[in-house]
Amino acid sequence: KERKLFEDPNTLETIVFVYKINDLSHPQTRFKVDVNAQENRLTGCVVIAEGMSLVALEGGSKPIKRYGKLMLKRINWAAAVVDETDGDENQDRLVKNCVLVWQGSVAKPSFNKFLVHQCRTEVAARKVFSDAGVAYYWDLAVNFTDDQI
């Protein structure tokens, strides 16, 4: 059953998904992002910086696919933000709160486990990725616009 759910860990390639989230300050959504990644045995990190959050995930195709459904369909990002602000302002901006910036495959994983990092500045946030050797994940998210979808 475990092999069926999580595939063989000795596969040749690792699938990578990078998500950009406008606001990950709500505790319930932060918990869902963290716990589901650990339950699906994914590696990577969540970097929460001022104005933007980035989720980088690595793992097999089945767990990554399940996690993608969580991020793009099951979590109601707009409701979490509206609950915090208790207003109807910026509804257009809140509609697309989580987007898939990049997906691909790499030869070997860059992260050992799944961690959540709280950073004060963008420089500190980029350093988390540069320490893992994947600073371009942060650059992709910063330069990403909704026109590229």
C-alpha atoms as a PDB file:
ATOM      1  CA  LYS A   1       0.000   0.000   0.000  1.00  0.00           C
ATOM      2  CA  GLU A   2       2.842   2.380   0.827  1.00  0.00           C
ATOM      3  CA  ARG A   3       4.591   1.693  -2.478  1.00  0.00           C
ATOM      4  CA  LYS A   4       1.314   2.367  -4.295  1.00  0.00           C
ATOM      5  CA  LEU A   5       0.781   5.717  -2.532  1.00  0.00           C
ATOM      6  CA  PHE A   6       4.299   7.110  -2.616  1.00  0.00           C
ATOM      7  CA  GLU A   7       6.089   5.247  -5.454  1.00  0.00           C
ATOM      8  CA  ASP A   8       9.649   3.992  -5.259  1.00  0.00           C
ATOM      9  CA  PRO A   9      11.968   6.538  -3.568  1.00  0.00           C
ATOM     10  CA  ASN A  10      14.875   5.393  -5.761  1.00  0.00           C
ATOM     11  CA  THR A  11      13.487   6.796  -9.019  1.00  0.00           C
ATOM     12  CA  LEU A  12      15.881   8.600 -11.324  1.00  0.00           C
ATOM     13  CA  GLU A  13      14.170  11.967 -11.385  1.00  0.00           C
ATOM     14  CA  THR A  14      12.429  14.231  -8.883  1.00  0.00           C
ATOM     15  CA  ILE A  15       9.404  16.332  -9.861  1.00  0.00           C
ATOM     16  CA  VAL A  16       9.495  19.979  -8.706  1.00  0.00           C
ATOM     17  CA  PHE A  17       6.579  22.406  -8.345  1.00  0.00           C
ATOM     18  CA  VAL A  18       6.987  26.076  -7.388  1.00  0.00           C
ATOM     19  CA  TYR A  19       3.910  27.996  -6.177  1.00  0.00           C
ATOM     20  CA  LYS A  20       3.604  31.725  -5.566  1.00  0.00           C
ATOM     21  CA  ILE A  21       1.133  32.816  -2.900  1.00  0.00           C
ATOM     22  CA  ASN A  22       0.212  36.440  -2.246  1.00  0.00           C
ATOM     23  CA  ASP A  23      -0.618  35.951   1.430  1.00  0.00           C
ATOM     24  CA  LEU A  24       0.148  32.936   3.638  1.00  0.00           C
ATOM     25  CA  SER A  25      -0.369  34.639   6.982  1.00  0.00           C
ATOM     26  CA  HIS A  26      -3.604  32.823   7.874  1.00  0.00           C
ATOM     27  CA  PRO A  27      -2.714  30.052  10.382  1.00  0.00           C
ATOM     28  CA  GLN A  28      -5.197  27.528   8.993  1.00  0.00           C
ATOM     29  CA  THR A  29      -3.874  27.688   5.427  1.00  0.00           C
ATOM     30  CA  ARG A  30      -0.266  27.669   6.654  1.00  0.00           C
ATOM     31  CA  PHE A  31      -1.049  24.502   8.647  1.00  0.00           C
ATOM     32  CA  LYS A  32      -2.646  22.812   5.617  1.00  0.00           C
ATOM     33  CA  VAL A  33       0.342  23.619   3.411  1.00  0.00           C
ATOM     34  CA  ASP A  34       2.823  22.301   5.972  1.00  0.00           C
ATOM     35  CA  VAL A  35       1.039  19.148   7.160  1.00  0.00           C
ATOM     36  CA  ASN A  36      -0.024  17.954   3.708  1.00  0.00           C
ATOM     37  CA  ALA A  37       3.544  18.242   2.432  1.00  0.00           C
ATOM     38  CA  GLN A  38       4.804  16.158   5.334  1.00  0.00           C
ATOM     39  CA  GLU A  39       2.025  13.576   4.978  1.00  0.00           C
ATOM     40  CA  ASN A  40       2.811  13.176   1.277  1.00  0.00           C
ATOM     41  CA  ARG A  41       6.534  12.814   2.101  1.00  0.00           C
ATOM     42  CA  LEU A  42       7.532  15.787  -0.010  1.00  0.00           C
ATOM     43  CA  THR A  43      10.730  17.748   0.464  1.00  0.00           C
ATOM     44  CA  GLY A  44      11.151  21.475  -0.064  1.00  0.00           C
ATOM     45  CA  CYS A  45      10.318  24.641   1.782  1.00  0.00           C
ATOM     46  CA  VAL A  46       7.871  27.458   2.324  1.00  0.00           C
ATOM     47  CA  VAL A  47       9.417  30.909   2.448  1.00  0.00           C
ATOM     48  CA  ILE A  48       7.186  33.626   3.854  1.00  0.00           C
ATOM     49  CA  ALA A  49       8.499  37.100   3.072  1.00  0.00           C
ATOM     50  CA  GLU A  50       6.972  40.562   3.097  1.00  0.00           C
ATOM     51  CA  GLY A  51       4.348  40.749   0.341  1.00  0.00           C
ATOM     52  CA  MET A  52       4.855  37.267  -1.119  1.00  0.00           C
ATOM     53  CA  SER A  53       5.243  33.633  -0.116  1.00  0.00           C
ATOM     54  CA  LEU A  54       6.824  30.854  -2.123  1.00  0.00           C
ATOM     55  CA  VAL A  55       6.305  27.097  -1.846  1.00  0.00           C
ATOM     56  CA  ALA A  56       8.900  24.864  -3.520  1.00  0.00           C
ATOM     57  CA  LEU A  57       8.145  21.121  -3.478  1.00  0.00           C
ATOM     58  CA  GLU A  58      10.073  18.072  -4.609  1.00  0.00           C
ATOM     59  CA  GLY A  59       8.863  14.500  -4.742  1.00  0.00           C
ATOM     60  CA  GLY A  60       7.349  11.698  -6.796  1.00  0.00           C
ATOM     61  CA  SER A  61       4.665  12.260  -9.399  1.00  0.00           C
ATOM     62  CA  LYS A  62       1.704  10.876  -7.394  1.00  0.00           C
ATOM     63  CA  PRO A  63       2.282  12.848  -4.170  1.00  0.00           C
ATOM     64  CA  ILE A  64       3.094  16.025  -6.127  1.00  0.00           C
ATOM     65  CA  LYS A  65      -0.133  15.631  -8.101  1.00  0.00           C
ATOM     66  CA  ARG A  66      -2.162  15.223  -4.875  1.00  0.00           C
ATOM     67  CA  TYR A  67      -0.486  18.276  -3.368  1.00  0.00           C
ATOM     68  CA  GLY A  68      -1.156  20.299  -6.533  1.00  0.00           C
ATOM     69  CA  LYS A  69      -4.875  19.650  -6.151  1.00  0.00           C
ATOM     70  CA  LEU A  70      -4.688  20.900  -2.569  1.00  0.00           C
ATOM     71  CA  MET A  71      -2.922  24.116  -3.515  1.00  0.00           C
ATOM     72  CA  LEU A  72      -4.950  25.010  -6.604  1.00  0.00           C
ATOM     73  CA  LYS A  73      -8.415  23.587  -5.847  1.00  0.00           C
ATOM     74  CA  ARG A  74      -9.063  22.539  -2.252  1.00  0.00           C
ATOM     75  CA  ILE A  75      -7.746  25.545  -0.332  1.00  0.00           C
ATOM     76  CA  ASN A  76     -10.000  28.582  -0.640  1.00  0.00           C
ATOM     77  CA  TRP A  77      -7.299  31.277  -0.600  1.00  0.00           C
ATOM     78  CA  ALA A  78      -9.685  34.203  -1.008  1.00  0.00           C
ATOM     79  CA  ALA A  79     -11.809  33.149   1.979  1.00  0.00           C
ATOM     80  CA  ALA A  80      -8.767  32.945   4.261  1.00  0.00           C
ATOM     81  CA  VAL A  81      -7.691  36.459   3.341  1.00  0.00           C
ATOM     82  CA  VAL A  82     -11.232  37.918   3.530  1.00  0.00           C
ATOM     83  CA  ASP A  83     -11.688  36.422   7.014  1.00  0.00           C
ATOM     84  CA  GLU A  84      -8.620  38.292   8.193  1.00  0.00           C
ATOM     85  CA  THR A  85      -9.455  41.651   6.643  1.00  0.00           C
ATOM     86  CA  ASP A  86     -13.240  41.447   7.237  1.00  0.00           C
ATOM     87  CA  GLY A  87     -13.877  43.591   4.204  1.00  0.00           C
ATOM     88  CA  ASP A  88     -14.576  43.426   0.504  1.00  0.00           C
ATOM     89  CA  GLU A  89     -11.645  45.568  -0.587  1.00  0.00           C
ATOM     90  CA  ASN A  90      -9.204  44.266  -3.200  1.00  0.00           C
ATOM     91  CA  GLN A  91     -11.484  41.388  -4.236  1.00  0.00           C
ATOM     92  CA  ASP A  92      -9.907  41.305  -7.722  1.00  0.00           C
ATOM     93  CA  ARG A  93      -6.434  40.836  -6.282  1.00  0.00           C
ATOM     94  CA  LEU A  94      -7.560  38.084  -3.917  1.00  0.00           C
ATOM     95  CA  VAL A  95      -9.203  35.899  -6.556  1.00  0.00           C
ATOM     96  CA  LYS A  96      -5.904  34.464  -7.831  1.00  0.00           C
ATOM     97  CA  ASN A  97      -3.935  34.105  -4.657  1.00  0.00           C
ATOM     98  CA  CYS A  98      -2.017  30.898  -5.465  1.00  0.00           C
ATOM     99  CA  VAL A  99      -0.466  30.226  -8.867  1.00  0.00           C
ATOM    100  CA  LEU A 100       1.836  27.535 -10.185  1.00  0.00           C
ATOM    101  CA  VAL A 101       4.956  29.394 -11.306  1.00  0.00           C
ATOM    102  CA  TRP A 102       7.045  26.485 -12.558  1.00  0.00           C
ATOM    103  CA  GLN A 103       7.019  22.712 -12.778  1.00  0.00           C
ATOM    104  CA  GLY A 104       9.752  20.435 -13.989  1.00  0.00           C
ATOM    105  CA  SER A 105      12.059  17.620 -13.060  1.00  0.00           C
ATOM    106  CA  VAL A 106      15.547  17.584 -11.596  1.00  0.00           C
ATOM    107  CA  ALA A 107      18.139  14.827 -11.295  1.00  0.00           C
ATOM    108  CA  LYS A 108      18.311  14.900  -7.497  1.00  0.00           C
ATOM    109  CA  PRO A 109      16.436  16.731  -4.715  1.00  0.00           C
ATOM    110  CA  SER A 110      17.845  19.995  -3.354  1.00  0.00           C
ATOM    111  CA  PHE A 111      16.150  19.757   0.051  1.00  0.00           C
ATOM    112  CA  ASN A 112      16.315  17.032   2.718  1.00  0.00           C
ATOM    113  CA  LYS A 113      12.944  17.668   4.384  1.00  0.00           C
ATOM    114  CA  PHE A 114      10.053  20.122   4.348  1.00  0.00           C
ATOM    115  CA  LEU A 115      10.607  23.339   6.321  1.00  0.00           C
ATOM    116  CA  VAL A 116       8.788  26.642   6.812  1.00  0.00           C
ATOM    117  CA  HIS A 117      10.963  29.781   6.876  1.00  0.00           C
ATOM    118  CA  GLN A 118       9.758  33.205   8.038  1.00  0.00           C
ATOM    119  CA  CYS A 119      11.946  35.931   6.471  1.00  0.00           C
ATOM    120  CA  ARG A 120      11.861  39.664   7.066  1.00  0.00           C
ATOM    121  CA  THR A 121      13.348  40.750   3.732  1.00  0.00           C
ATOM    122  CA  GLU A 122      13.488  39.480   0.169  1.00  0.00           C
ATOM    123  CA  VAL A 123      17.274  39.146   0.441  1.00  0.00           C
ATOM    124  CA  ALA A 124      16.913  36.742   3.372  1.00  0.00           C
ATOM    125  CA  ALA A 125      14.220  34.818   1.495  1.00  0.00           C
ATOM    126  CA  ARG A 126      16.417  34.462  -1.588  1.00  0.00           C
ATOM    127  CA  LYS A 127      19.285  33.287   0.635  1.00  0.00           C
ATOM    128  CA  VAL A 128      17.190  30.301   1.796  1.00  0.00           C
ATOM    129  CA  PHE A 129      16.997  29.125  -1.818  1.00  0.00           C
ATOM    130  CA  SER A 130      20.595  30.014  -2.674  1.00  0.00           C
ATOM    131  CA  ASP A 131      21.797  27.926   0.288  1.00  0.00           C
ATOM    132  CA  ALA A 132      19.981  24.966  -1.271  1.00  0.00           C
ATOM    133  CA  GLY A 133      21.469  25.785  -4.683  1.00  0.00           C
ATOM    134  CA  VAL A 134      18.174  26.801  -6.298  1.00  0.00           C
ATOM    135  CA  ALA A 135      18.124  30.604  -6.093  1.00  0.00           C
ATOM    136  CA  TYR A 136      16.410  30.730  -9.472  1.00  0.00           C
ATOM    137  CA  TYR A 137      13.162  29.501  -7.849  1.00  0.00           C
ATOM    138  CA  TRP A 138      12.894  32.843  -6.045  1.00  0.00           C
ATOM    139  CA  ASP A 139      13.837  34.756  -9.209  1.00  0.00           C
ATOM    140  CA  LEU A 140      11.139  32.911 -11.184  1.00  0.00           C
ATOM    141  CA  ALA A 141       8.476  33.846  -8.647  1.00  0.00           C
ATOM    142  CA  VAL A 142       9.538  37.492  -8.388  1.00  0.00           C
ATOM    143  CA  ASN A 143       9.530  37.925 -12.186  1.00  0.00           C
ATOM    144  CA  PHE A 144       6.297  35.948 -12.690  1.00  0.00           C
ATOM    145  CA  THR A 145       3.232  37.816 -13.963  1.00  0.00           C
ATOM    146  CA  ASP A 146      -0.302  36.540 -14.575  1.00  0.00           C
ATOM    147  CA  ASP A 147       0.167  37.202 -18.313  1.00  0.00           C
ATOM    148  CA  GLN A 148       2.469  34.172 -18.563  1.00  0.00           C
ATOM    149  CA  ILE A 149      -0.296  31.656 -17.765  1.00  0.00           C
END
